[in-house]
Protein backbone atom coordinates (compact mmCIF):
# COMPACT_ATOMS: atom_id res chain seq x y z
CA MET A 1 138.63 -107.07 97.87
CA THR A 2 136.42 -104.73 99.83
CA VAL A 3 133.39 -102.61 99.21
CA PRO A 4 131.80 -99.66 101.01
CA PRO A 5 128.37 -100.37 102.51
CA ARG A 6 125.74 -100.76 99.77
CA ALA A 7 128.18 -99.72 97.03
CA ASP A 8 127.44 -100.92 93.51
CA PHE A 9 130.91 -102.26 92.71
CA VAL A 10 133.18 -104.57 94.69
CA ILE A 11 136.63 -103.03 94.35
CA PRO A 12 139.97 -103.18 96.19
CA ARG A 13 140.24 -101.06 99.32
CA HIS A 14 143.17 -99.15 97.77
CA TRP A 15 141.60 -98.95 94.33
CA ILE A 16 143.30 -95.66 93.48
CA VAL A 17 146.74 -97.19 94.01
CA VAL A 18 145.84 -100.26 91.94
CA THR A 19 144.47 -98.04 89.17
CA VAL A 20 147.63 -95.93 89.07
CA VAL A 21 149.83 -99.05 88.92
CA LEU A 22 147.79 -100.49 86.05
CA PHE A 23 147.95 -97.26 84.07
CA VAL A 24 151.69 -96.99 84.69
CA VAL A 25 152.11 -100.50 83.30
CA THR A 26 149.92 -99.57 80.32
CA PHE A 27 151.92 -96.46 79.46
CA ALA A 28 155.28 -98.13 80.14
CA LEU A 29 154.57 -100.98 77.74
CA GLY A 30 153.44 -98.61 75.00
CA PHE A 31 156.43 -96.28 75.32
CA LEU A 32 158.81 -99.25 75.46
CA VAL A 33 157.57 -100.53 72.09
CA LYS A 34 157.69 -97.04 70.61
CA LEU A 35 161.19 -96.24 71.88
CA VAL A 36 162.60 -99.65 70.92
CA PRO A 37 161.29 -100.27 67.40
CA ALA A 38 162.97 -103.68 67.28
CA ILE A 39 160.33 -104.93 69.73
CA GLY A 40 157.57 -104.10 67.27
CA VAL A 41 159.47 -105.57 64.34
CA ALA A 42 160.00 -108.80 66.29
CA GLN A 43 156.24 -109.17 66.68
CA LEU A 44 155.35 -108.86 62.99
CA PRO A 45 155.95 -112.58 62.23
CA ILE A 46 153.06 -113.36 64.60
CA ASP A 47 150.69 -111.27 62.49
CA ALA A 48 152.03 -112.78 59.28
CA ALA A 49 151.74 -116.37 60.58
CA LEU A 50 148.12 -115.88 61.64
CA ASN A 51 147.32 -114.09 58.40
CA ARG A 52 148.77 -116.87 56.26
CA ALA A 53 146.33 -119.31 57.91
CA ASN A 54 143.45 -117.37 56.37
CA THR A 55 140.14 -118.99 55.49
CA PRO A 56 136.82 -117.47 54.36
CA ALA A 57 135.36 -118.16 57.81
CA LEU A 58 138.23 -116.43 59.61
CA ASP A 59 138.00 -113.53 57.18
CA ALA A 60 134.29 -113.14 57.96
CA ILE A 61 134.83 -113.32 61.73
CA SER A 62 137.72 -110.86 61.69
CA THR A 63 135.85 -108.43 59.46
CA LEU A 64 132.84 -108.59 61.77
CA LEU A 65 134.95 -108.09 64.89
CA ASP A 66 136.64 -105.11 63.24
CA LYS A 67 133.40 -103.21 63.86
CA LEU A 68 133.42 -104.00 67.59
CA ASP A 69 134.70 -100.66 68.81
CA GLN A 70 132.60 -98.46 66.53
CA PRO A 71 130.45 -96.16 68.72
CA PRO A 72 127.08 -97.38 67.35
CA VAL A 73 128.09 -101.01 67.93
CA VAL A 74 129.34 -100.24 71.44
CA ALA A 75 126.10 -98.38 72.17
CA VAL A 76 123.98 -101.35 71.09
CA ILE A 77 126.05 -103.75 73.21
CA LEU A 78 125.76 -101.49 76.26
CA VAL A 79 122.00 -101.09 75.80
CA ILE A 80 121.65 -104.88 75.77
CA VAL A 81 123.87 -105.17 78.86
CA PHE A 82 121.80 -102.49 80.60
CA ALA A 83 118.53 -104.30 79.86
CA VAL A 84 119.84 -107.65 81.10
CA MET A 85 121.55 -106.28 84.21
CA TRP A 86 118.53 -104.12 85.11
CA PHE A 87 116.58 -107.35 85.42
CA VAL A 88 119.40 -109.04 87.40
CA LYS A 89 120.80 -106.23 89.58
CA GLY A 90 118.45 -103.25 89.26
CA TRP A 91 118.62 -100.11 87.14
CA ARG A 92 121.25 -98.26 89.19
CA THR A 93 123.84 -101.01 89.02
CA ALA A 94 122.97 -101.67 85.37
CA LEU A 95 123.57 -98.01 84.59
CA GLY A 96 126.80 -98.08 86.55
CA ILE A 97 128.08 -101.08 84.59
CA CYS A 98 127.42 -99.32 81.29
CA VAL A 99 129.04 -96.07 82.44
CA VAL A 100 132.09 -97.87 83.87
CA ALA A 101 132.52 -100.07 80.79
CA GLY A 102 132.03 -97.20 78.35
CA ALA A 103 134.26 -94.74 80.19
CA GLY A 104 136.88 -97.43 80.79
CA TRP A 105 136.95 -98.10 77.06
CA VAL A 106 137.20 -94.40 76.16
CA SER A 107 140.17 -94.05 78.53
CA CYS A 108 142.27 -95.90 75.94
CA LEU A 109 142.12 -92.79 73.74
CA ALA A 110 144.25 -90.90 76.26
CA VAL A 111 146.85 -93.67 76.08
CA LYS A 112 146.67 -93.84 72.28
CA TYR A 113 147.40 -90.15 71.79
CA ALA A 114 150.01 -89.98 74.55
CA VAL A 115 152.00 -92.96 73.26
CA HIS A 116 151.24 -92.19 69.59
CA LEU A 117 152.48 -95.50 68.21
CA PRO A 118 151.88 -95.92 64.44
CA ARG A 119 150.19 -99.10 63.28
CA PRO A 120 152.10 -101.90 61.56
CA ASP A 121 152.41 -101.60 57.80
CA LEU A 122 149.53 -103.54 56.27
CA ASN A 123 151.83 -104.50 53.40
CA ASP A 124 153.60 -106.84 55.82
CA VAL A 125 150.67 -109.28 55.76
CA PRO A 126 150.18 -111.41 52.63
CA HIS A 127 146.36 -111.60 52.79
CA GLN A 128 145.05 -108.05 53.19
CA LEU A 129 141.51 -107.63 54.48
CA LEU A 130 141.71 -103.94 55.31
CA LYS A 131 142.98 -101.22 52.99
CA GLU A 132 143.85 -98.86 55.83
CA ALA A 133 143.60 -98.49 59.58
CA SER A 134 142.34 -95.40 61.37
CA THR A 135 143.67 -93.92 64.62
CA LEU A 136 146.81 -95.27 66.30
CA SER A 137 148.09 -98.71 67.22
CA TYR A 138 148.60 -98.83 70.98
CA PRO A 139 146.58 -100.00 72.81
CA SER A 140 143.91 -102.01 70.97
CA GLY A 141 140.58 -100.27 71.52
CA HIS A 142 138.74 -103.45 70.59
CA VAL A 143 140.44 -105.46 73.32
CA ALA A 144 140.19 -102.57 75.76
CA PHE A 145 136.41 -102.52 75.34
CA VAL A 146 136.09 -106.26 75.98
CA ALA A 147 138.35 -105.98 79.05
CA ALA A 148 136.50 -102.93 80.40
CA LEU A 149 133.10 -104.56 80.01
CA GLY A 150 134.29 -107.80 81.57
CA ALA A 151 135.88 -105.92 84.48
CA ALA A 152 132.72 -103.86 85.04
CA LEU A 153 130.56 -107.00 85.19
CA PHE A 154 133.12 -108.74 87.42
CA MET A 155 133.09 -105.88 89.92
CA ALA A 156 129.28 -105.66 89.86
CA VAL A 157 128.77 -109.22 91.15
CA ALA A 158 129.92 -110.73 94.41
CA GLN A 159 129.21 -114.44 93.88
CA LYS A 160 132.37 -116.43 93.26
CA SER A 161 130.72 -118.70 90.69
CA SER A 162 129.47 -115.72 88.67
CA ARG A 163 132.88 -114.13 88.74
CA ILE A 164 134.53 -117.31 87.50
CA VAL A 165 132.08 -117.48 84.59
CA ILE A 166 132.74 -113.83 83.72
CA VAL A 167 136.52 -114.28 83.81
CA ILE A 168 136.39 -117.37 81.61
CA ALA A 169 133.86 -115.95 79.14
CA PHE A 170 135.53 -112.58 78.71
CA GLY A 171 138.98 -114.14 78.74
CA VAL A 172 138.00 -116.26 75.75
CA VAL A 173 136.37 -113.30 73.98
CA ALA A 174 139.43 -111.11 74.60
CA ILE A 175 141.74 -113.77 73.13
CA VAL A 176 139.51 -114.19 70.06
CA VAL A 177 139.30 -110.43 69.50
CA ALA A 178 143.06 -110.03 70.04
CA MET A 179 143.85 -112.78 67.53
CA SER A 180 141.45 -111.23 65.01
CA ARG A 181 143.34 -107.92 65.27
CA LEU A 182 146.65 -109.68 64.66
CA TYR A 183 145.08 -111.75 61.88
CA VAL A 184 144.24 -108.63 59.87
CA GLY A 185 147.71 -107.23 60.62
CA ILE A 186 146.49 -104.08 62.26
CA HIS A 187 148.12 -104.45 65.68
CA TYR A 188 151.22 -105.68 67.46
CA LEU A 189 150.75 -108.36 70.11
CA THR A 190 151.73 -105.82 72.76
CA ASP A 191 148.84 -103.61 71.60
CA THR A 192 146.39 -106.33 72.63
CA VAL A 193 148.13 -106.93 75.97
CA GLY A 194 148.07 -103.19 76.61
CA GLY A 195 144.39 -103.17 75.70
CA VAL A 196 143.59 -105.67 78.43
CA VAL A 197 145.52 -103.75 81.09
CA ASN A 198 144.12 -100.42 79.92
CA GLY A 199 140.54 -101.72 79.88
CA VAL A 200 140.79 -103.10 83.41
CA ALA A 201 142.52 -99.94 84.67
CA GLY A 202 139.88 -97.68 83.14
CA ALA A 203 137.02 -99.76 84.47
CA LEU A 204 138.49 -99.82 87.97
CA LEU A 205 139.04 -96.05 87.91
CA PHE A 206 135.44 -95.30 86.99
CA ALA A 207 134.01 -98.01 89.26
CA GLY A 208 135.76 -96.35 92.17
CA LEU A 209 134.49 -92.93 91.16
CA TRP A 210 130.99 -94.34 90.72
CA ASN A 211 131.04 -95.81 94.23
CA VAL A 212 132.35 -92.63 95.82
CA ILE A 213 130.53 -89.92 93.86
CA VAL A 214 127.58 -91.16 91.84
CA SER A 215 126.05 -94.08 93.74
CA PRO A 216 125.55 -92.21 97.07
CA ARG A 217 123.77 -89.36 95.28
CA LEU A 218 121.49 -91.70 93.38
CA ARG A 219 120.54 -93.41 96.62
CA ARG A 220 119.76 -90.09 98.35
CA ASN A 221 117.71 -88.87 95.41
CA ARG A 222 115.68 -92.05 95.49
CA HIS A 223 114.59 -91.22 99.02
């Protein structure tokens, strides 16, 4: 990992190459599932098995997490992150984290509409919590947001201990969110994997652009 002098995010020296590779993997996985329907069908028993283990508590958690990628909810989360990180890292880095996380999350829309993979049929799960699902299946926007936010925070800190905490915390959250999406039968497992890769790719792309374009201008304007 390397970082330009006084840049806000610690990113790989060849971040553009890494970003391209991650997006290629994201698109490749999505098109593979779309072009080979048997791959999607083979994943449906995972959704059904999780769904059959339903409890009122799991229903409540999954229903709550279903709201995670709604714009008002995302906005509230990012405002909280901004306030906390302003205190920890300063307003410029805090703003950068929110921009990188938000833009990284939104990047999944480009993948969704390019791949255009329909969602699984909700009738395939025995315990239906949702009557219908909006947008498209691949990748999971919920997981992409968690991954993008975790990646943004990871790149904004340099201490090894802090990075380990971020990886563990967001890894656990990503797994919980991914399982909740399968639990309600609204995604394939590959959708959640693609969400992680997409979220990291989007965050890295905008972290690099922030370092190169935005951060230097903010520093000059301050003086």
